[in-house]
Amino acid sequence: MAIGKKVKVGGSYYKGYALVVSAPPGDYVLDMTHADACVINGITVIPDKYGEGDCFKLEHLKSDNTLIRTIAETVYNVGANAAWLFDLVALEMMNPGDKFRLTYTNASSTAMNVYTNVERIR
């Protein structure tokens, strides 16, 4: 489950988000926008149900939706509550207004929630 509010631990801030994925197949998008400049150190993605054939991708976009970088693509949902941790050792620089986007592709027609926790440093 995602952290409900921004929490500071040491020099890092953690923020949780939830993406509601409905049963109809298609792409479901969660934009995690940052108002101030920061670096993203890592993100955890946790679907609460298994969706056979479902996958997701992570992207860094400018505020006008111009793609800066694809972090991960075609990452499959391997099971209910199985967590994917992306530790960005090079750190992902985020300018004010930039988006960290999760796009979840529902191919299995399974309704679920997809939780994320973002670790960032300001």
C-alpha atoms as a PDB file:
ATOM      1  CA  MET A   1       0.000   0.000   0.000  1.00  0.00           C
ATOM      2  CA  ALA A   2       1.223   3.509  -0.780  1.00  0.00           C
ATOM      3  CA  ILE A   3       2.255   6.027   1.843  1.00  0.00           C
ATOM      4  CA  GLY A   4      -0.663   8.435   2.149  1.00  0.00           C
ATOM      5  CA  LYS A   5       1.367  11.608   2.631  1.00  0.00           C
ATOM      6  CA  LYS A   6       4.862  12.927   2.111  1.00  0.00           C
ATOM      7  CA  VAL A   7       7.190  11.585   4.798  1.00  0.00           C
ATOM      8  CA  LYS A   8      10.764  12.675   5.495  1.00  0.00           C
ATOM      9  CA  VAL A   9      13.296  10.110   6.659  1.00  0.00           C
ATOM     10  CA  GLY A  10      16.866  11.409   6.938  1.00  0.00           C
ATOM     11  CA  GLY A  11      17.560  13.440   3.779  1.00  0.00           C
ATOM     12  CA  SER A  12      14.967  11.624   1.661  1.00  0.00           C
ATOM     13  CA  TYR A  13      11.289  12.307   1.136  1.00  0.00           C
ATOM     14  CA  TYR A  14       8.853   9.481   0.394  1.00  0.00           C
ATOM     15  CA  LYS A  15       5.513  10.055  -1.320  1.00  0.00           C
ATOM     16  CA  GLY A  16       2.907   7.435  -2.117  1.00  0.00           C
ATOM     17  CA  TYR A  17       0.467   7.399  -5.015  1.00  0.00           C
ATOM     18  CA  ALA A  18      -2.302   5.037  -6.095  1.00  0.00           C
ATOM     19  CA  LEU A  19      -3.489   4.283  -9.623  1.00  0.00           C
ATOM     20  CA  VAL A  20      -6.981   2.818  -9.971  1.00  0.00           C
ATOM     21  CA  VAL A  21      -7.070   0.365 -12.881  1.00  0.00           C
ATOM     22  CA  SER A  22     -10.595  -0.484 -14.046  1.00  0.00           C
ATOM     23  CA  ALA A  23     -11.635  -3.789 -15.648  1.00  0.00           C
ATOM     24  CA  PRO A  24     -11.831  -2.597 -19.285  1.00  0.00           C
ATOM     25  CA  PRO A  25      -8.549  -3.281 -21.124  1.00  0.00           C
ATOM     26  CA  GLY A  26      -6.418  -0.264 -21.967  1.00  0.00           C
ATOM     27  CA  ASP A  27      -3.720   2.084 -20.717  1.00  0.00           C
ATOM     28  CA  TYR A  28      -4.082   3.737 -17.312  1.00  0.00           C
ATOM     29  CA  VAL A  29      -1.791   6.677 -16.538  1.00  0.00           C
ATOM     30  CA  LEU A  30      -0.507   8.089 -13.253  1.00  0.00           C
ATOM     31  CA  ASP A  31       1.487  11.341 -13.424  1.00  0.00           C
ATOM     32  CA  MET A  32       3.633  12.053 -10.384  1.00  0.00           C
ATOM     33  CA  THR A  33       4.412  15.761 -10.765  1.00  0.00           C
ATOM     34  CA  HIS A  34       6.914  17.653  -8.649  1.00  0.00           C
ATOM     35  CA  ALA A  35       6.474  21.388  -8.030  1.00  0.00           C
ATOM     36  CA  ASP A  36      10.093  21.926  -7.063  1.00  0.00           C
ATOM     37  CA  ALA A  37      13.423  20.695  -8.390  1.00  0.00           C
ATOM     38  CA  CYS A  38      14.540  17.376  -6.933  1.00  0.00           C
ATOM     39  CA  VAL A  39      16.152  14.081  -7.828  1.00  0.00           C
ATOM     40  CA  ILE A  40      14.361  10.762  -7.754  1.00  0.00           C
ATOM     41  CA  ASN A  41      16.404   8.080  -6.062  1.00  0.00           C
ATOM     42  CA  GLY A  42      13.970   5.192  -6.496  1.00  0.00           C
ATOM     43  CA  ILE A  43      10.397   4.079  -7.076  1.00  0.00           C
ATOM     44  CA  THR A  44       8.491   1.011  -5.957  1.00  0.00           C
ATOM     45  CA  VAL A  45       5.515  -0.265  -7.991  1.00  0.00           C
ATOM     46  CA  ILE A  46       3.085  -2.715  -6.321  1.00  0.00           C
ATOM     47  CA  PRO A  47      -0.037  -4.064  -8.102  1.00  0.00           C
ATOM     48  CA  ASP A  48      -2.525  -5.500  -5.587  1.00  0.00           C
ATOM     49  CA  LYS A  49      -3.751  -8.248  -7.976  1.00  0.00           C
ATOM     50  CA  TYR A  50      -2.251 -10.469 -10.649  1.00  0.00           C
ATOM     51  CA  GLY A  51      -3.102  -9.538 -14.221  1.00  0.00           C
ATOM     52  CA  GLU A  52      -1.979 -12.078 -16.809  1.00  0.00           C
ATOM     53  CA  GLY A  53      -0.260 -10.258 -19.653  1.00  0.00           C
ATOM     54  CA  ASP A  54      -0.470  -6.873 -17.913  1.00  0.00           C
ATOM     55  CA  CYS A  55       2.619  -4.675 -18.024  1.00  0.00           C
ATOM     56  CA  PHE A  56       3.752  -1.168 -17.184  1.00  0.00           C
ATOM     57  CA  LYS A  57       6.337   1.420 -18.130  1.00  0.00           C
ATOM     58  CA  LEU A  58       7.985   4.333 -16.347  1.00  0.00           C
ATOM     59  CA  GLU A  59       8.887   7.582 -18.108  1.00  0.00           C
ATOM     60  CA  HIS A  60      10.298  11.005 -17.251  1.00  0.00           C
ATOM     61  CA  LEU A  61       8.415  13.783 -19.087  1.00  0.00           C
ATOM     62  CA  LYS A  62       8.658  17.556 -19.232  1.00  0.00           C
ATOM     63  CA  SER A  63       5.588  19.554 -18.169  1.00  0.00           C
ATOM     64  CA  ASP A  64       4.481  19.716 -21.855  1.00  0.00           C
ATOM     65  CA  ASN A  65       4.632  15.865 -22.094  1.00  0.00           C
ATOM     66  CA  THR A  66       7.879  15.826 -24.090  1.00  0.00           C
ATOM     67  CA  LEU A  67       9.674  12.566 -23.341  1.00  0.00           C
ATOM     68  CA  ILE A  68      13.015  13.054 -21.589  1.00  0.00           C
ATOM     69  CA  ARG A  69      13.796   9.425 -20.767  1.00  0.00           C
ATOM     70  CA  THR A  70      12.187   6.000 -20.624  1.00  0.00           C
ATOM     71  CA  ILE A  71      13.181   4.442 -17.299  1.00  0.00           C
ATOM     72  CA  ALA A  72      11.587   1.009 -17.841  1.00  0.00           C
ATOM     73  CA  GLU A  73       9.191  -0.517 -20.349  1.00  0.00           C
ATOM     74  CA  THR A  74       7.265  -3.777 -20.725  1.00  0.00           C
ATOM     75  CA  VAL A  75       7.658  -4.742 -17.066  1.00  0.00           C
ATOM     76  CA  TYR A  76       5.146  -7.532 -16.432  1.00  0.00           C
ATOM     77  CA  ASN A  77       2.832  -7.898 -13.460  1.00  0.00           C
ATOM     78  CA  VAL A  78       4.185 -11.092 -11.902  1.00  0.00           C
ATOM     79  CA  GLY A  79       1.708 -11.456  -9.050  1.00  0.00           C
ATOM     80  CA  ALA A  80      -0.507  -9.875  -6.454  1.00  0.00           C
ATOM     81  CA  ASN A  81       1.454  -7.618  -4.101  1.00  0.00           C
ATOM     82  CA  ALA A  82       4.760  -8.409  -5.842  1.00  0.00           C
ATOM     83  CA  ALA A  83       6.843  -5.248  -5.545  1.00  0.00           C
ATOM     84  CA  TRP A  84       9.132  -3.904  -8.256  1.00  0.00           C
ATOM     85  CA  LEU A  85      11.854  -1.646  -6.875  1.00  0.00           C
ATOM     86  CA  PHE A  86      13.681   0.585  -9.332  1.00  0.00           C
ATOM     87  CA  ASP A  87      16.772   1.954  -7.605  1.00  0.00           C
ATOM     88  CA  LEU A  88      18.002   4.800  -9.810  1.00  0.00           C
ATOM     89  CA  VAL A  89      21.682   4.819  -8.891  1.00  0.00           C
ATOM     90  CA  ALA A  90      22.423   7.688 -11.316  1.00  0.00           C
ATOM     91  CA  LEU A  91      19.511   9.677  -9.820  1.00  0.00           C
ATOM     92  CA  GLU A  92      16.830  11.174 -12.072  1.00  0.00           C
ATOM     93  CA  MET A  93      16.959  14.994 -12.105  1.00  0.00           C
ATOM     94  CA  MET A  94      13.456  16.485 -12.027  1.00  0.00           C
ATOM     95  CA  ASN A  95      12.938  20.142 -12.887  1.00  0.00           C
ATOM     96  CA  PRO A  96       9.899  21.986 -11.477  1.00  0.00           C
ATOM     97  CA  GLY A  97       6.775  20.732 -13.265  1.00  0.00           C
ATOM     98  CA  ASP A  98       8.416  17.576 -14.674  1.00  0.00           C
ATOM     99  CA  LYS A  99       6.382  14.353 -14.491  1.00  0.00           C
ATOM    100  CA  PHE A 100       7.380  10.858 -13.534  1.00  0.00           C
ATOM    101  CA  ARG A 101       4.753   8.800 -15.393  1.00  0.00           C
ATOM    102  CA  LEU A 102       3.554   5.264 -14.740  1.00  0.00           C
ATOM    103  CA  THR A 103       1.534   3.792 -17.626  1.00  0.00           C
ATOM    104  CA  TYR A 104      -0.145   0.504 -16.711  1.00  0.00           C
ATOM    105  CA  THR A 105      -1.506  -1.581 -19.604  1.00  0.00           C
ATOM    106  CA  ASN A 106      -4.426  -3.752 -18.527  1.00  0.00           C
ATOM    107  CA  ALA A 107      -4.633  -6.701 -20.935  1.00  0.00           C
ATOM    108  CA  SER A 108      -6.328  -9.143 -18.547  1.00  0.00           C
ATOM    109  CA  SER A 109      -9.517  -7.170 -17.796  1.00  0.00           C
ATOM    110  CA  THR A 110      -8.694  -7.350 -14.079  1.00  0.00           C
ATOM    111  CA  ALA A 111      -9.630  -4.369 -11.904  1.00  0.00           C
ATOM    112  CA  MET A 112      -6.942  -3.490  -9.360  1.00  0.00           C
ATOM    113  CA  ASN A 113      -5.023  -0.767  -7.598  1.00  0.00           C
ATOM    114  CA  VAL A 114      -1.373  -0.134  -8.407  1.00  0.00           C
ATOM    115  CA  TYR A 115       0.517   1.528  -5.571  1.00  0.00           C
ATOM    116  CA  THR A 116       3.758   3.472  -5.912  1.00  0.00           C
ATOM    117  CA  ASN A 117       6.209   4.974  -3.463  1.00  0.00           C
ATOM    118  CA  VAL A 118       8.684   7.544  -4.767  1.00  0.00           C
ATOM    119  CA  GLU A 119      11.895   8.341  -2.916  1.00  0.00           C
ATOM    120  CA  ARG A 120      13.254  11.789  -3.741  1.00  0.00           C
ATOM    121  CA  ILE A 121      15.967  14.091  -2.486  1.00  0.00           C
ATOM    122  CA  ARG A 122      15.668  17.865  -2.542  1.00  0.00           C
END
